[in-house]
Amino acid sequence: MVLKKPISPSNLANCMEWLARSKREFVNSPTYFGPDRRFRKQAPPDGQPERRAEAIALTSTLDRAMSQDDIDSLFG
């Protein structure tokens, strides 16, 4: 989440309230234990391993990101 300066107290309070009320899964790995800081469930970049056990099961159903060549071809 990004807030643009100048930050109003009401916007900051709204964002903090949203973060406090949103339910996020916990990550338990050798280097981190705590709430999942990611807001979207998407596959990691090519060549990177999945960090969440439930994401491994979803990998086959997630659309992979477009390659740079695919993106370049859109702008022909």
Protein backbone atom coordinates (compact mmCIF):
# COMPACT_ATOMS: atom_id res chain seq x y z
CA MET A 1 0.00 0.00 0.00
CA VAL A 2 1.30 3.42 -0.91
CA LEU A 3 0.22 6.74 0.54
CA LYS A 4 1.15 9.92 -1.24
CA LYS A 5 2.48 12.94 0.65
CA PRO A 6 1.08 14.96 2.32
CA ILE A 7 -0.56 12.18 4.32
CA SER A 8 -3.75 13.16 6.07
CA PRO A 9 -4.39 11.62 9.49
CA SER A 10 -7.74 10.23 8.30
CA ASN A 11 -6.14 8.44 5.31
CA LEU A 12 -3.42 7.00 7.52
CA ALA A 13 -6.01 5.84 10.07
CA ASN A 14 -8.12 4.26 7.31
CA CYS A 15 -5.14 2.34 5.95
CA MET A 16 -4.08 1.16 9.39
CA GLU A 17 -7.63 0.05 10.18
CA TRP A 18 -7.85 -1.85 6.89
CA LEU A 19 -4.54 -3.62 7.61
CA ALA A 20 -5.65 -4.50 11.14
CA ARG A 21 -8.99 -5.91 9.99
CA SER A 22 -7.84 -7.77 6.89
CA LYS A 23 -7.24 -11.47 7.42
CA ARG A 24 -3.96 -12.68 6.02
CA GLU A 25 -2.44 -16.11 6.23
CA PHE A 26 0.70 -16.69 8.25
CA VAL A 27 3.95 -17.76 6.64
CA ASN A 28 6.15 -20.19 8.53
CA SER A 29 9.55 -20.62 6.89
CA PRO A 30 13.12 -21.02 8.17
CA THR A 31 13.75 -17.28 7.78
CA TYR A 32 10.35 -15.70 8.52
CA PHE A 33 7.28 -16.30 10.64
CA GLY A 34 4.44 -13.83 10.51
CA PRO A 35 1.59 -12.49 8.41
CA ASP A 36 1.88 -12.89 4.68
CA ARG A 37 2.78 -9.43 3.41
CA ARG A 38 1.67 -10.20 -0.12
CA PHE A 39 -1.80 -9.05 -1.09
CA ARG A 40 -2.16 -10.97 -4.35
CA LYS A 41 -1.86 -14.69 -4.83
CA GLN A 42 0.25 -15.00 -7.91
CA ALA A 43 3.09 -17.19 -8.99
CA PRO A 44 6.65 -16.02 -8.27
CA PRO A 45 8.96 -14.97 -11.12
CA ASP A 46 10.32 -17.76 -13.31
CA GLY A 47 13.03 -19.75 -11.58
CA GLN A 48 11.98 -18.73 -8.07
CA PRO A 49 10.57 -21.38 -5.69
CA GLU A 50 7.16 -21.06 -4.06
CA ARG A 51 7.29 -20.04 -0.38
CA ARG A 52 3.78 -21.03 0.69
CA ALA A 53 2.68 -24.65 0.79
CA GLU A 54 -0.82 -23.81 -0.46
CA ALA A 55 0.63 -21.84 -3.38
CA ILE A 56 2.42 -24.94 -4.64
CA ALA A 57 -0.96 -26.58 -5.20
CA LEU A 58 -2.20 -23.47 -7.04
CA THR A 59 0.77 -23.16 -9.39
CA SER A 60 -0.85 -25.13 -12.17
CA THR A 61 -3.94 -22.90 -12.14
CA LEU A 62 -2.17 -19.55 -11.94
CA ASP A 63 -1.39 -17.63 -15.10
CA ARG A 64 2.29 -17.00 -15.37
CA ALA A 65 3.49 -13.48 -16.05
CA MET A 66 4.13 -12.55 -19.67
CA SER A 67 7.69 -12.71 -20.89
CA GLN A 68 9.41 -9.48 -21.91
CA ASP A 69 9.25 -10.63 -25.56
CA ASP A 70 5.46 -11.02 -25.28
CA ILE A 71 5.15 -7.55 -23.77
CA ASP A 72 7.39 -6.02 -26.46
CA SER A 73 5.29 -7.65 -29.20
CA LEU A 74 2.20 -5.83 -27.90
CA PHE A 75 3.85 -2.48 -28.58
CA GLY A 76 5.11 -3.61 -32.00
